[in-house]
Amino acid sequence: DHLTILAVYEAWRAHKYSNPWCYENFIQSRALRRAQDVRKQLLAIMDRYKLNVVSAGRNYNKVRRAIVSGFFQNVARKDPQEGYKTLVEGTPVYIHPSSSLFQRNPDW
């Protein structure tokens, strides 16, 4: 999930963006470098528009809220008759069998 990817990126940064660390942890350094490039681009855009960079720190609820706000079109609610339905359009959707959520009941 996104928070796991964030934790991996933070660990890579803590190890000074080390390629050997990636190799030891079975992570592709190229993917992390791409994430680093995207982060630099976002920082440059924020700088251009004179926006402050504010970190969520360890407040993962803020991170979750940011992710959810970006994926709102994909949010679905359990439908008693058939799987799930998206909140925006009411389109029926289903959890993929390979998902860790497949046999789990929703929290809400």
PDB file of N, CA and C in Angstrom:
ATOM      1  N   ASP A   1       0.826  -1.186   0.000  1.00  0.00           N
ATOM      2  CA  ASP A   1       0.000   0.000   0.000  1.00  0.00           C
ATOM      3  C   ASP A   1       0.873   1.254   0.000  1.00  0.00           C
ATOM      4  N   HIS A   2       0.242   2.393  -0.062  1.00  0.00           N
ATOM      5  CA  HIS A   2       0.974   3.658  -0.183  1.00  0.00           C
ATOM      6  C   HIS A   2       1.840   3.963   1.038  1.00  0.00           C
ATOM      7  N   LEU A   3       1.355   3.638   2.219  1.00  0.00           N
ATOM      8  CA  LEU A   3       2.139   3.917   3.419  1.00  0.00           C
ATOM      9  C   LEU A   3       3.369   3.018   3.499  1.00  0.00           C
ATOM     10  N   THR A   4       3.276   1.808   2.998  1.00  0.00           N
ATOM     11  CA  THR A   4       4.446   0.922   2.945  1.00  0.00           C
ATOM     12  C   THR A   4       5.481   1.486   1.987  1.00  0.00           C
ATOM     13  N   ILE A   5       5.024   1.964   0.842  1.00  0.00           N
ATOM     14  CA  ILE A   5       5.943   2.565  -0.131  1.00  0.00           C
ATOM     15  C   ILE A   5       6.611   3.798   0.466  1.00  0.00           C
ATOM     16  N   LEU A   6       5.841   4.600   1.197  1.00  0.00           N
ATOM     17  CA  LEU A   6       6.412   5.771   1.866  1.00  0.00           C
ATOM     18  C   LEU A   6       7.469   5.353   2.881  1.00  0.00           C
ATOM     19  N   ALA A   7       7.194   4.297   3.649  1.00  0.00           N
ATOM     20  CA  ALA A   7       8.159   3.809   4.640  1.00  0.00           C
ATOM     21  C   ALA A   7       9.436   3.311   3.968  1.00  0.00           C
ATOM     22  N   VAL A   8       9.307   2.643   2.830  1.00  0.00           N
ATOM     23  CA  VAL A   8      10.482   2.178   2.085  1.00  0.00           C
ATOM     24  C   VAL A   8      11.302   3.369   1.600  1.00  0.00           C
ATOM     25  N   TYR A   9      10.629   4.386   1.053  1.00  0.00           N
ATOM     26  CA  TYR A   9      11.335   5.579   0.573  1.00  0.00           C
ATOM     27  C   TYR A   9      12.067   6.265   1.730  1.00  0.00           C
ATOM     28  N   GLU A  10      11.401   6.390   2.875  1.00  0.00           N
ATOM     29  CA  GLU A  10      12.028   7.026   4.041  1.00  0.00           C
ATOM     30  C   GLU A  10      13.241   6.224   4.525  1.00  0.00           C
ATOM     31  N   ALA A  11      13.141   4.895   4.498  1.00  0.00           N
ATOM     32  CA  ALA A  11      14.277   4.059   4.899  1.00  0.00           C
ATOM     33  C   ALA A  11      15.430   4.223   3.925  1.00  0.00           C
ATOM     34  N   TRP A  12      15.120   4.305   2.626  1.00  0.00           N
ATOM     35  CA  TRP A  12      16.148   4.503   1.603  1.00  0.00           C
ATOM     36  C   TRP A  12      16.834   5.845   1.813  1.00  0.00           C
ATOM     37  N   ARG A  13      16.034   6.872   2.111  1.00  0.00           N
ATOM     38  CA  ARG A  13      16.598   8.200   2.371  1.00  0.00           C
ATOM     39  C   ARG A  13      17.482   8.175   3.614  1.00  0.00           C
ATOM     40  N   ALA A  14      17.045   7.449   4.659  1.00  0.00           N
ATOM     41  CA  ALA A  14      17.838   7.339   5.892  1.00  0.00           C
ATOM     42  C   ALA A  14      19.172   6.652   5.643  1.00  0.00           C
ATOM     43  N   HIS A  15      19.224   5.809   4.609  1.00  0.00           N
ATOM     44  CA  HIS A  15      20.474   5.132   4.236  1.00  0.00           C
ATOM     45  C   HIS A  15      21.200   5.874   3.122  1.00  0.00           C
ATOM     46  N   LYS A  16      20.923   7.173   3.018  1.00  0.00           N
ATOM     47  CA  LYS A  16      21.613   8.068   2.072  1.00  0.00           C
ATOM     48  C   LYS A  16      21.462   7.616   0.621  1.00  0.00           C
ATOM     49  N   TYR A  17      20.248   7.162   0.268  1.00  0.00           N
ATOM     50  CA  TYR A  17      19.913   6.781  -1.106  1.00  0.00           C
ATOM     51  C   TYR A  17      20.876   5.723  -1.659  1.00  0.00           C
ATOM     52  N   SER A  18      21.166   4.743  -0.847  1.00  0.00           N
ATOM     53  CA  SER A  18      22.176   3.727  -1.143  1.00  0.00           C
ATOM     54  C   SER A  18      21.660   2.637  -2.082  1.00  0.00           C
ATOM     55  N   ASN A  19      22.417   2.411  -3.171  1.00  0.00           N
ATOM     56  CA  ASN A  19      22.107   1.293  -4.061  1.00  0.00           C
ATOM     57  C   ASN A  19      22.336  -0.060  -3.386  1.00  0.00           C
ATOM     58  N   PRO A  20      23.421  -0.227  -2.614  1.00  0.00           N
ATOM     59  CA  PRO A  20      23.595  -1.512  -1.917  1.00  0.00           C
ATOM     60  C   PRO A  20      22.448  -1.809  -0.945  1.00  0.00           C
ATOM     61  N   TRP A  21      21.910  -0.786  -0.297  1.00  0.00           N
ATOM     62  CA  TRP A  21      20.771  -0.992   0.597  1.00  0.00           C
ATOM     63  C   TRP A  21      19.575  -1.543  -0.184  1.00  0.00           C
ATOM     64  N   CYS A  22      19.342  -0.990  -1.366  1.00  0.00           N
ATOM     65  CA  CYS A  22      18.250  -1.493  -2.217  1.00  0.00           C
ATOM     66  C   CYS A  22      18.475  -2.958  -2.564  1.00  0.00           C
ATOM     67  N   TYR A  23      19.703  -3.290  -2.949  1.00  0.00           N
ATOM     68  CA  TYR A  23      20.029  -4.660  -3.320  1.00  0.00           C
ATOM     69  C   TYR A  23      19.810  -5.613  -2.141  1.00  0.00           C
ATOM     70  N   GLU A  24      20.259  -5.203  -0.954  1.00  0.00           N
ATOM     71  CA  GLU A  24      20.114  -6.037   0.248  1.00  0.00           C
ATOM     72  C   GLU A  24      18.658  -6.237   0.634  1.00  0.00           C
ATOM     73  N   ASN A  25      17.792  -5.280   0.289  1.00  0.00           N
ATOM     74  CA  ASN A  25      16.384  -5.343   0.673  1.00  0.00           C
ATOM     75  C   ASN A  25      15.464  -5.707  -0.486  1.00  0.00           C
ATOM     76  N   PHE A  26      16.067  -6.154  -1.594  1.00  0.00           N
ATOM     77  CA  PHE A  26      15.305  -6.617  -2.771  1.00  0.00           C
ATOM     78  C   PHE A  26      14.370  -5.538  -3.319  1.00  0.00           C
ATOM     79  N   ILE A  27      14.897  -4.331  -3.413  1.00  0.00           N
ATOM     80  CA  ILE A  27      14.124  -3.188  -3.911  1.00  0.00           C
ATOM     81  C   ILE A  27      14.851  -2.623  -5.118  1.00  0.00           C
ATOM     82  N   GLN A  28      14.106  -2.259  -6.156  1.00  0.00           N
ATOM     83  CA  GLN A  28      14.727  -1.697  -7.349  1.00  0.00           C
ATOM     84  C   GLN A  28      15.072  -0.231  -7.123  1.00  0.00           C
ATOM     85  N   SER A  29      16.354   0.056  -7.167  1.00  0.00           N
ATOM     86  CA  SER A  29      16.800   1.427  -6.933  1.00  0.00           C
ATOM     87  C   SER A  29      16.271   2.369  -8.017  1.00  0.00           C
ATOM     88  N   ARG A  30      16.074   1.855  -9.216  1.00  0.00           N
ATOM     89  CA  ARG A  30      15.560   2.692 -10.306  1.00  0.00           C
ATOM     90  C   ARG A  30      14.163   3.230  -9.981  1.00  0.00           C
ATOM     91  N   ALA A  31      13.324   2.407  -9.367  1.00  0.00           N
ATOM     92  CA  ALA A  31      11.977   2.843  -8.984  1.00  0.00           C
ATOM     93  C   ALA A  31      12.041   3.926  -7.906  1.00  0.00           C
ATOM     94  N   LEU A  32      12.958   3.750  -6.951  1.00  0.00           N
ATOM     95  CA  LEU A  32      13.105   4.760  -5.913  1.00  0.00           C
ATOM     96  C   LEU A  32      13.689   6.054  -6.470  1.00  0.00           C
ATOM     97  N   ARG A  33      14.589   5.940  -7.419  1.00  0.00           N
ATOM     98  CA  ARG A  33      15.145   7.153  -8.049  1.00  0.00           C
ATOM     99  C   ARG A  33      14.057   7.904  -8.817  1.00  0.00           C
ATOM    100  N   ARG A  34      13.161   7.164  -9.429  1.00  0.00           N
ATOM    101  CA  ARG A  34      12.039   7.792 -10.136  1.00  0.00           C
ATOM    102  C   ARG A  34      11.152   8.537  -9.136  1.00  0.00           C
ATOM    103  N   ALA A  35      10.892   7.925  -7.990  1.00  0.00           N
ATOM    104  CA  ALA A  35      10.113   8.590  -6.945  1.00  0.00           C
ATOM    105  C   ALA A  35      10.834   9.842  -6.454  1.00  0.00           C
ATOM    106  N   GLN A  36      12.137   9.753  -6.340  1.00  0.00           N
ATOM    107  CA  GLN A  36      12.934  10.908  -5.924  1.00  0.00           C
ATOM    108  C   GLN A  36      12.836  12.031  -6.968  1.00  0.00           C
ATOM    109  N   ASP A  37      12.872  11.686  -8.236  1.00  0.00           N
ATOM    110  CA  ASP A  37      12.727  12.683  -9.306  1.00  0.00           C
ATOM    111  C   ASP A  37      11.361  13.355  -9.264  1.00  0.00           C
ATOM    112  N   VAL A  38      10.320  12.565  -9.049  1.00  0.00           N
ATOM    113  CA  VAL A  38       8.962  13.122  -8.956  1.00  0.00           C
ATOM    114  C   VAL A  38       8.875  14.069  -7.770  1.00  0.00           C
ATOM    115  N   ARG A  39       9.471  13.678  -6.654  1.00  0.00           N
ATOM    116  CA  ARG A  39       9.465  14.540  -5.468  1.00  0.00           C
ATOM    117  C   ARG A  39      10.174  15.857  -5.767  1.00  0.00           C
ATOM    118  N   LYS A  40      11.303  15.792  -6.444  1.00  0.00           N
ATOM    119  CA  LYS A  40      12.032  17.020  -6.802  1.00  0.00           C
ATOM    120  C   LYS A  40      11.193  17.908  -7.713  1.00  0.00           C
ATOM    121  N   GLN A  41      10.488  17.301  -8.655  1.00  0.00           N
ATOM    122  CA  GLN A  41       9.619  18.074  -9.548  1.00  0.00           C
ATOM    123  C   GLN A  41       8.506  18.762  -8.765  1.00  0.00           C
ATOM    124  N   LEU A  42       7.898  18.040  -7.838  1.00  0.00           N
ATOM    125  CA  LEU A  42       6.836  18.628  -7.027  1.00  0.00           C
ATOM    126  C   LEU A  42       7.361  19.772  -6.164  1.00  0.00           C
ATOM    127  N   LEU A  43       8.554  19.603  -5.599  1.00  0.00           N
ATOM    128  CA  LEU A  43       9.159  20.674  -4.810  1.00  0.00           C
ATOM    129  C   LEU A  43       9.439  21.907  -5.676  1.00  0.00           C
ATOM    130  N   ALA A  44       9.891  21.682  -6.917  1.00  0.00           N
ATOM    131  CA  ALA A  44      10.155  22.801  -7.825  1.00  0.00           C
ATOM    132  C   ALA A  44       8.865  23.541  -8.176  1.00  0.00           C
ATOM    133  N   ILE A  45       7.786  22.800  -8.391  1.00  0.00           N
ATOM    134  CA  ILE A  45       6.497  23.428  -8.687  1.00  0.00           C
ATOM    135  C   ILE A  45       6.022  24.242  -7.489  1.00  0.00           C
ATOM    136  N   MET A  46       6.146  23.681  -6.304  1.00  0.00           N
ATOM    137  CA  MET A  46       5.732  24.407  -5.104  1.00  0.00           C
ATOM    138  C   MET A  46       6.570  25.657  -4.904  1.00  0.00           C
ATOM    139  N   ASP A  47       7.853  25.563  -5.201  1.00  0.00           N
ATOM    140  CA  ASP A  47       8.744  26.721  -5.090  1.00  0.00           C
ATOM    141  C   ASP A  47       8.359  27.789  -6.115  1.00  0.00           C
ATOM    142  N   ARG A  48       8.056  27.374  -7.334  1.00  0.00           N
ATOM    143  CA  ARG A  48       7.683  28.315  -8.391  1.00  0.00           C
ATOM    144  C   ARG A  48       6.444  29.121  -8.003  1.00  0.00           C
ATOM    145  N   TYR A  49       5.474  28.452  -7.364  1.00  0.00           N
ATOM    146  CA  TYR A  49       4.240  29.124  -6.973  1.00  0.00           C
ATOM    147  C   TYR A  49       4.286  29.649  -5.540  1.00  0.00           C
ATOM    148  N   LYS A  50       5.475  29.609  -4.950  1.00  0.00           N
ATOM    149  CA  LYS A  50       5.713  30.119  -3.608  1.00  0.00           C
ATOM    150  C   LYS A  50       4.785  29.494  -2.558  1.00  0.00           C
ATOM    151  N   LEU A  51       4.647  28.186  -2.656  1.00  0.00           N
ATOM    152  CA  LEU A  51       3.851  27.435  -1.687  1.00  0.00           C
ATOM    153  C   LEU A  51       4.771  26.832  -0.637  1.00  0.00           C
ATOM    154  N   ASN A  52       4.321  26.803   0.594  1.00  0.00           N
ATOM    155  CA  ASN A  52       5.117  26.220   1.673  1.00  0.00           C
ATOM    156  C   ASN A  52       5.052  24.702   1.623  1.00  0.00           C
ATOM    157  N   VAL A  53       6.175  24.075   1.876  1.00  0.00           N
ATOM    158  CA  VAL A  53       6.227  22.620   1.977  1.00  0.00           C
ATOM    159  C   VAL A  53       5.973  22.278   3.443  1.00  0.00           C
ATOM    160  N   VAL A  54       4.888  21.553   3.682  1.00  0.00           N
ATOM    161  CA  VAL A  54       4.513  21.184   5.047  1.00  0.00           C
ATOM    162  C   VAL A  54       4.472  19.664   5.124  1.00  0.00           C
ATOM    163  N   SER A  55       5.236  19.118   6.026  1.00  0.00           N
ATOM    164  CA  SER A  55       5.302  17.669   6.179  1.00  0.00           C
ATOM    165  C   SER A  55       4.207  17.176   7.128  1.00  0.00           C
ATOM    166  N   ALA A  56       3.691  16.005   6.837  1.00  0.00           N
ATOM    167  CA  ALA A  56       2.742  15.368   7.746  1.00  0.00           C
ATOM    168  C   ALA A  56       3.486  14.661   8.872  1.00  0.00           C
ATOM    169  N   GLY A  57       4.799  14.552   8.745  1.00  0.00           N
ATOM    170  CA  GLY A  57       5.589  13.868   9.763  1.00  0.00           C
ATOM    171  C   GLY A  57       5.146  12.423   9.909  1.00  0.00           C
ATOM    172  N   ARG A  58       4.895  12.006  11.118  1.00  0.00           N
ATOM    173  CA  ARG A  58       4.429  10.644  11.395  1.00  0.00           C
ATOM    174  C   ARG A  58       2.902  10.573  11.515  1.00  0.00           C
ATOM    175  N   ASN A  59       2.216  11.647  11.168  1.00  0.00           N
ATOM    176  CA  ASN A  59       0.759  11.661  11.236  1.00  0.00           C
ATOM    177  C   ASN A  59       0.205  11.003   9.975  1.00  0.00           C
ATOM    178  N   TYR A  60       0.069   9.682  10.025  1.00  0.00           N
ATOM    179  CA  TYR A  60      -0.344   8.928   8.850  1.00  0.00           C
ATOM    180  C   TYR A  60      -1.802   9.173   8.472  1.00  0.00           C
ATOM    181  N   ASN A  61      -2.596   9.680   9.410  1.00  0.00           N
ATOM    182  CA  ASN A  61      -3.972  10.016   9.050  1.00  0.00           C
ATOM    183  C   ASN A  61      -4.004  11.146   8.030  1.00  0.00           C
ATOM    184  N   LYS A  62      -3.091  12.100   8.144  1.00  0.00           N
ATOM    185  CA  LYS A  62      -3.013  13.173   7.142  1.00  0.00           C
ATOM    186  C   LYS A  62      -2.621  12.607   5.784  1.00  0.00           C
ATOM    187  N   VAL A  63      -1.697  11.669   5.777  1.00  0.00           N
ATOM    188  CA  VAL A  63      -1.276  11.036   4.528  1.00  0.00           C
ATOM    189  C   VAL A  63      -2.449  10.269   3.924  1.00  0.00           C
ATOM    190  N   ARG A  64      -3.152   9.511   4.752  1.00  0.00           N
ATOM    191  CA  ARG A  64      -4.316   8.758   4.270  1.00  0.00           C
ATOM    192  C   ARG A  64      -5.375   9.691   3.672  1.00  0.00           C
ATOM    193  N   ARG A  65      -5.630  10.804   4.339  1.00  0.00           N
ATOM    194  CA  ARG A  65      -6.617  11.768   3.831  1.00  0.00           C
ATOM    195  C   ARG A  65      -6.195  12.337   2.487  1.00  0.00           C
ATOM    196  N   ALA A  66      -4.909  12.629   2.338  1.00  0.00           N
ATOM    197  CA  ALA A  66      -4.422  13.153   1.060  1.00  0.00           C
ATOM    198  C   ALA A  66      -4.597  12.121  -0.050  1.00  0.00           C
ATOM    199  N   ILE A  67      -4.289  10.872   0.244  1.00  0.00           N
ATOM    200  CA  ILE A  67      -4.436   9.804  -0.746  1.00  0.00           C
ATOM    201  C   ILE A  67      -5.905   9.630  -1.123  1.00  0.00           C
ATOM    202  N   VAL A  68      -6.755   9.562  -0.117  1.00  0.00           N
ATOM    203  CA  VAL A  68      -8.181   9.350  -0.375  1.00  0.00           C
ATOM    204  C   VAL A  68      -8.776  10.504  -1.171  1.00  0.00           C
ATOM    205  N   SER A  69      -8.361  11.733  -0.882  1.00  0.00           N
ATOM    206  CA  SER A  69      -8.909  12.873  -1.634  1.00  0.00           C
ATOM    207  C   SER A  69      -8.528  12.794  -3.105  1.00  0.00           C
ATOM    208  N   GLY A  70      -7.380  12.212  -3.400  1.00  0.00           N
ATOM    209  CA  GLY A  70      -6.959  12.053  -4.787  1.00  0.00           C
ATOM    210  C   GLY A  70      -7.650  10.905  -5.501  1.00  0.00           C
ATOM    211  N   PHE A  71      -8.153   9.943  -4.756  1.00  0.00           N
ATOM    212  CA  PHE A  71      -8.792   8.770  -5.340  1.00  0.00           C
ATOM    213  C   PHE A  71     -10.294   8.731  -5.074  1.00  0.00           C
ATOM    214  N   PHE A  72     -10.904   9.882  -4.804  1.00  0.00           N
ATOM    215  CA  PHE A  72     -12.307   9.891  -4.399  1.00  0.00           C
ATOM    216  C   PHE A  72     -13.221   9.247  -5.435  1.00  0.00           C
ATOM    217  N   GLN A  73     -12.929   9.387  -6.704  1.00  0.00           N
ATOM    218  CA  GLN A  73     -13.774   8.783  -7.740  1.00  0.00           C
ATOM    219  C   GLN A  73     -13.817   7.261  -7.624  1.00  0.00           C
ATOM    220  N   ASN A  74     -12.840   6.667  -6.957  1.00  0.00           N
ATOM    221  CA  ASN A  74     -12.762   5.213  -6.840  1.00  0.00           C
ATOM    222  C   ASN A  74     -13.332   4.670  -5.531  1.00  0.00           C
ATOM    223  N   VAL A  75     -13.833   5.532  -4.666  1.00  0.00           N
ATOM    224  CA  VAL A  75     -14.347   5.084  -3.377  1.00  0.00           C
ATOM    225  C   VAL A  75     -15.653   4.326  -3.585  1.00  0.00           C
ATOM    226  N   ALA A  76     -15.784   3.191  -2.885  1.00  0.00           N
ATOM    227  CA  ALA A  76     -16.982   2.360  -3.017  1.00  0.00           C
ATOM    228  C   ALA A  76     -17.476   1.953  -1.633  1.00  0.00           C
ATOM    229  N   ARG A  77     -18.747   1.638  -1.581  1.00  0.00           N
ATOM    230  CA  ARG A  77     -19.380   1.186  -0.344  1.00  0.00           C
ATOM    231  C   ARG A  77     -19.985  -0.192  -0.581  1.00  0.00           C
ATOM    232  N   LYS A  78     -19.987  -1.016   0.459  1.00  0.00           N
ATOM    233  CA  LYS A  78     -20.550  -2.368   0.366  1.00  0.00           C
ATOM    234  C   LYS A  78     -22.014  -2.290  -0.030  1.00  0.00           C
ATOM    235  N   ASP A  79     -22.370  -3.063  -1.039  1.00  0.00           N
ATOM    236  CA  ASP A  79     -23.756  -3.142  -1.499  1.00  0.00           C
ATOM    237  C   ASP A  79     -24.328  -4.483  -1.042  1.00  0.00           C
ATOM    238  N   PRO A  80     -25.483  -4.501  -0.392  1.00  0.00           N
ATOM    239  CA  PRO A  80     -26.005  -5.769   0.121  1.00  0.00           C
ATOM    240  C   PRO A  80     -26.320  -6.796  -0.968  1.00  0.00           C
ATOM    241  N   GLN A  81     -26.586  -6.344  -2.198  1.00  0.00           N
ATOM    242  CA  GLN A  81     -26.940  -7.292  -3.251  1.00  0.00           C
ATOM    243  C   GLN A  81     -25.755  -7.745  -4.092  1.00  0.00           C
ATOM    244  N   GLU A  82     -24.839  -6.832  -4.408  1.00  0.00           N
ATOM    245  CA  GLU A  82     -23.735  -7.237  -5.288  1.00  0.00           C
ATOM    246  C   GLU A  82     -22.447  -6.496  -4.988  1.00  0.00           C
ATOM    247  N   GLY A  83     -21.537  -7.126  -4.300  1.00  0.00           N
ATOM    248  CA  GLY A  83     -20.205  -6.581  -4.067  1.00  0.00           C
ATOM    249  C   GLY A  83     -20.213  -5.186  -3.492  1.00  0.00           C
ATOM    250  N   TYR A  84     -19.686  -4.242  -4.274  1.00  0.00           N
ATOM    251  CA  TYR A  84     -19.570  -2.853  -3.860  1.00  0.00           C
ATOM    252  C   TYR A  84     -20.091  -1.965  -4.987  1.00  0.00           C
ATOM    253  N   LYS A  85     -20.447  -0.722  -4.631  1.00  0.00           N
ATOM    254  CA  LYS A  85     -20.827   0.272  -5.638  1.00  0.00           C
ATOM    255  C   LYS A  85     -20.073   1.562  -5.346  1.00  0.00           C
ATOM    256  N   THR A  86     -19.589   2.208  -6.423  1.00  0.00           N
ATOM    257  CA  THR A  86     -18.884   3.471  -6.245  1.00  0.00           C
ATOM    258  C   THR A  86     -19.851   4.517  -5.707  1.00  0.00           C
ATOM    259  N   LEU A  87     -19.334   5.426  -4.877  1.00  0.00           N
ATOM    260  CA  LEU A  87     -20.191   6.440  -4.275  1.00  0.00           C
ATOM    261  C   LEU A  87     -20.626   7.499  -5.278  1.00  0.00           C
ATOM    262  N   VAL A  88     -19.761   7.826  -6.225  1.00  0.00           N
ATOM    263  CA  VAL A  88     -20.055   8.910  -7.145  1.00  0.00           C
ATOM    264  C   VAL A  88     -21.071   8.492  -8.206  1.00  0.00           C
ATOM    265  N   GLU A  89     -20.842   7.366  -8.864  1.00  0.00           N
ATOM    266  CA  GLU A  89     -21.696   6.970  -9.987  1.00  0.00           C
ATOM    267  C   GLU A  89     -22.548   5.729  -9.718  1.00  0.00           C
ATOM    268  N   GLY A  90     -22.306   5.043  -8.615  1.00  0.00           N
ATOM    269  CA  GLY A  90     -23.071   3.840  -8.308  1.00  0.00           C
ATOM    270  C   GLY A  90     -22.721   2.647  -9.185  1.00  0.00           C
ATOM    271  N   THR A  91     -21.531   2.665  -9.771  1.00  0.00           N
ATOM    272  CA  THR A  91     -21.083   1.570 -10.628  1.00  0.00           C
ATOM    273  C   THR A  91     -20.702   0.356  -9.778  1.00  0.00           C
ATOM    274  N   PRO A  92     -21.204  -0.832 -10.115  1.00  0.00           N
ATOM    275  CA  PRO A  92     -20.807  -2.014  -9.346  1.00  0.00           C
ATOM    276  C   PRO A  92     -19.331  -2.346  -9.571  1.00  0.00           C
ATOM    277  N   VAL A  93     -18.625  -2.601  -8.485  1.00  0.00           N
ATOM    278  CA  VAL A  93     -17.215  -2.973  -8.538  1.00  0.00           C
ATOM    279  C   VAL A  93     -16.985  -4.135  -7.576  1.00  0.00           C
ATOM    280  N   TYR A  94     -15.881  -4.842  -7.783  1.00  0.00           N
ATOM    281  CA  TYR A  94     -15.585  -6.020  -6.976  1.00  0.00           C
ATOM    282  C   TYR A  94     -14.127  -5.999  -6.562  1.00  0.00           C
ATOM    283  N   ILE A  95     -13.823  -6.606  -5.423  1.00  0.00           N
ATOM    284  CA  ILE A  95     -12.448  -6.725  -4.958  1.00  0.00           C
ATOM    285  C   ILE A  95     -11.800  -7.891  -5.685  1.00  0.00           C
ATOM    286  N   HIS A  96     -10.606  -7.654  -6.197  1.00  0.00           N
ATOM    287  CA  HIS A  96      -9.889  -8.692  -6.937  1.00  0.00           C
ATOM    288  C   HIS A  96      -9.522  -9.846  -5.999  1.00  0.00           C
ATOM    289  N   PRO A  97      -9.633 -11.085  -6.475  1.00  0.00           N
ATOM    290  CA  PRO A  97      -9.325 -12.245  -5.628  1.00  0.00           C
ATOM    291  C   PRO A  97      -7.896 -12.263  -5.074  1.00  0.00           C
ATOM    292  N   SER A  98      -6.967 -11.593  -5.707  1.00  0.00           N
ATOM    293  CA  SER A  98      -5.592 -11.589  -5.201  1.00  0.00           C
ATOM    294  C   SER A  98      -5.370 -10.512  -4.131  1.00  0.00           C
ATOM    295  N   SER A  99      -6.377  -9.676  -3.887  1.00  0.00           N
ATOM    296  CA  SER A  99      -6.261  -8.606  -2.890  1.00  0.00           C
ATOM    297  C   SER A  99      -6.302  -9.183  -1.479  1.00  0.00           C
ATOM    298  N   SER A 100      -5.565  -8.551  -0.568  1.00  0.00           N
ATOM    299  CA  SER A 100      -5.609  -8.977   0.837  1.00  0.00           C
ATOM    300  C   SER A 100      -6.964  -8.672   1.464  1.00  0.00           C
ATOM    301  N   LEU A 101      -7.771  -7.855   0.819  1.00  0.00           N
ATOM    302  CA  LEU A 101      -9.100  -7.511   1.322  1.00  0.00           C
ATOM    303  C   LEU A 101     -10.197  -8.425   0.778  1.00  0.00           C
ATOM    304  N   PHE A 102      -9.835  -9.374  -0.072  1.00  0.00           N
ATOM    305  CA  PHE A 102     -10.823 -10.157  -0.796  1.00  0.00           C
ATOM    306  C   PHE A 102     -11.814 -10.879   0.121  1.00  0.00           C
ATOM    307  N   GLN A 103     -11.365 -11.597   1.110  1.00  0.00           N
ATOM    308  CA  GLN A 103     -12.266 -12.368   1.986  1.00  0.00           C
ATOM    309  C   GLN A 103     -12.562 -11.635   3.296  1.00  0.00           C
ATOM    310  N   ARG A 104     -12.246 -10.361   3.348  1.00  0.00           N
ATOM    311  CA  ARG A 104     -12.425  -9.572   4.570  1.00  0.00           C
ATOM    312  C   ARG A 104     -13.705  -8.754   4.498  1.00  0.00           C
ATOM    313  N   ASN A 105     -14.408  -8.665   5.621  1.00  0.00           N
ATOM    314  CA  ASN A 105     -15.576  -7.799   5.683  1.00  0.00           C
ATOM    315  C   ASN A 105     -15.135  -6.356   5.874  1.00  0.00           C
ATOM    316  N   PRO A 106     -15.833  -5.404   5.270  1.00  0.00           N
ATOM    317  CA  PRO A 106     -15.431  -4.004   5.404  1.00  0.00           C
ATOM    318  C   PRO A 106     -15.667  -3.496   6.823  1.00  0.00           C
ATOM    319  N   ASP A 107     -14.855  -2.501   7.211  1.00  0.00           N
ATOM    320  CA  ASP A 107     -15.000  -1.902   8.544  1.00  0.00           C
ATOM    321  C   ASP A 107     -16.224  -1.004   8.639  1.00  0.00           C
ATOM    322  N   TRP A 108     -16.698  -0.523   7.476  1.00  0.00           N
ATOM    323  CA  TRP A 108     -17.891   0.352   7.489  1.00  0.00           C
ATOM    324  C   TRP A 108     -18.806   0.029   6.366  1.00  0.00           C
TER     325      TRP A 108
END
